[in-house]
């Protein structure tokens, strides 16, 4: 025999699912933040930058 056994089922399986769920949620949040940052830079802004008021006042 090669010594391979099937993974134990029960509590360990549930914790794995929980870890994967948390990792997926964090990954999706990171992807959304990256997409927002890309959209902002595509619009001419850098991440976190607000548009400054126009200082030209036709004096």
C-alpha atoms as a PDB file:
ATOM      1  CA  UNK A   1       0.000   0.000   0.000  1.00  0.00           C
ATOM      2  CA  UNK A   2       1.118   3.548  -0.663  1.00  0.00           C
ATOM      3  CA  UNK A   3      -0.088   4.902   2.677  1.00  0.00           C
ATOM      4  CA  UNK A   4      -2.689   7.211   1.209  1.00  0.00           C
ATOM      5  CA  UNK A   5      -5.832   7.653   3.195  1.00  0.00           C
ATOM      6  CA  UNK A   6      -8.925   9.663   2.542  1.00  0.00           C
ATOM      7  CA  UNK A   7      -9.049  12.998   4.351  1.00  0.00           C
ATOM      8  CA  UNK A   8     -10.999  12.891   7.605  1.00  0.00           C
ATOM      9  CA  UNK A   9     -14.512  14.218   7.439  1.00  0.00           C
ATOM     10  CA  UNK A  10     -16.268  16.044  10.206  1.00  0.00           C
ATOM     11  CA  UNK A  11     -15.127  19.135  12.103  1.00  0.00           C
ATOM     12  CA  UNK A  12     -11.937  19.576  10.066  1.00  0.00           C
ATOM     13  CA  UNK A  13     -13.975  19.728   6.851  1.00  0.00           C
ATOM     14  CA  UNK A  14     -16.175  22.488   8.278  1.00  0.00           C
ATOM     15  CA  UNK A  15     -13.213  24.599   9.326  1.00  0.00           C
ATOM     16  CA  UNK A  16     -11.703  24.259   5.854  1.00  0.00           C
ATOM     17  CA  UNK A  17     -14.931  25.522   4.317  1.00  0.00           C
ATOM     18  CA  UNK A  18     -14.957  28.441   6.740  1.00  0.00           C
ATOM     19  CA  UNK A  19     -11.338  29.329   5.886  1.00  0.00           C
ATOM     20  CA  UNK A  20     -12.091  29.182   2.169  1.00  0.00           C
ATOM     21  CA  UNK A  21     -15.187  31.347   2.601  1.00  0.00           C
ATOM     22  CA  UNK A  22     -13.213  34.000   4.486  1.00  0.00           C
ATOM     23  CA  UNK A  23     -10.382  33.908   1.941  1.00  0.00           C
ATOM     24  CA  UNK A  24     -12.831  34.257  -0.954  1.00  0.00           C
ATOM     25  CA  UNK A  25     -14.544  37.219   0.697  1.00  0.00           C
ATOM     26  CA  UNK A  26     -11.193  38.965   1.276  1.00  0.00           C
ATOM     27  CA  UNK A  27     -10.126  38.258  -2.307  1.00  0.00           C
ATOM     28  CA  UNK A  28     -13.350  39.705  -3.717  1.00  0.00           C
ATOM     29  CA  UNK A  29     -12.988  42.839  -1.566  1.00  0.00           C
ATOM     30  CA  UNK A  30      -9.405  43.284  -2.787  1.00  0.00           C
ATOM     31  CA  UNK A  31     -10.483  42.843  -6.420  1.00  0.00           C
ATOM     32  CA  UNK A  32     -13.272  45.410  -6.019  1.00  0.00           C
ATOM     33  CA  UNK A  33     -10.832  47.916  -4.514  1.00  0.00           C
ATOM     34  CA  UNK A  34      -8.418  47.348  -7.397  1.00  0.00           C
ATOM     35  CA  UNK A  35     -11.212  47.790  -9.943  1.00  0.00           C
ATOM     36  CA  UNK A  36     -12.303  51.043  -8.279  1.00  0.00           C
ATOM     37  CA  UNK A  37      -8.718  52.314  -8.287  1.00  0.00           C
ATOM     38  CA  UNK A  38      -8.354  51.439 -11.976  1.00  0.00           C
ATOM     39  CA  UNK A  39     -11.628  53.181 -12.798  1.00  0.00           C
ATOM     40  CA  UNK A  40     -10.475  56.309 -10.944  1.00  0.00           C
ATOM     41  CA  UNK A  41      -7.151  56.422 -12.786  1.00  0.00           C
ATOM     42  CA  UNK A  42      -8.936  55.833 -16.105  1.00  0.00           C
ATOM     43  CA  UNK A  43     -11.040  58.922 -15.365  1.00  0.00           C
ATOM     44  CA  UNK A  44      -7.925  61.065 -14.880  1.00  0.00           C
ATOM     45  CA  UNK A  45      -7.844  60.868 -11.092  1.00  0.00           C
ATOM     46  CA  UNK A  46      -5.402  59.005  -8.925  1.00  0.00           C
ATOM     47  CA  UNK A  47      -6.603  56.795  -6.099  1.00  0.00           C
ATOM     48  CA  UNK A  48      -7.721  58.903  -3.136  1.00  0.00           C
ATOM     49  CA  UNK A  49      -7.534  62.206  -5.011  1.00  0.00           C
ATOM     50  CA  UNK A  50     -10.464  64.597  -4.981  1.00  0.00           C
ATOM     51  CA  UNK A  51     -11.081  67.138  -7.703  1.00  0.00           C
ATOM     52  CA  UNK A  52      -9.796  70.593  -6.766  1.00  0.00           C
ATOM     53  CA  UNK A  53     -12.026  73.592  -7.486  1.00  0.00           C
ATOM     54  CA  UNK A  54     -11.202  75.622 -10.604  1.00  0.00           C
ATOM     55  CA  UNK A  55      -9.049  78.624  -9.624  1.00  0.00           C
ATOM     56  CA  UNK A  56      -9.457  80.613 -12.855  1.00  0.00           C
ATOM     57  CA  UNK A  57     -11.940  83.403 -12.136  1.00  0.00           C
ATOM     58  CA  UNK A  58     -11.887  85.784 -15.158  1.00  0.00           C
ATOM     59  CA  UNK A  59     -10.678  88.953 -13.280  1.00  0.00           C
END
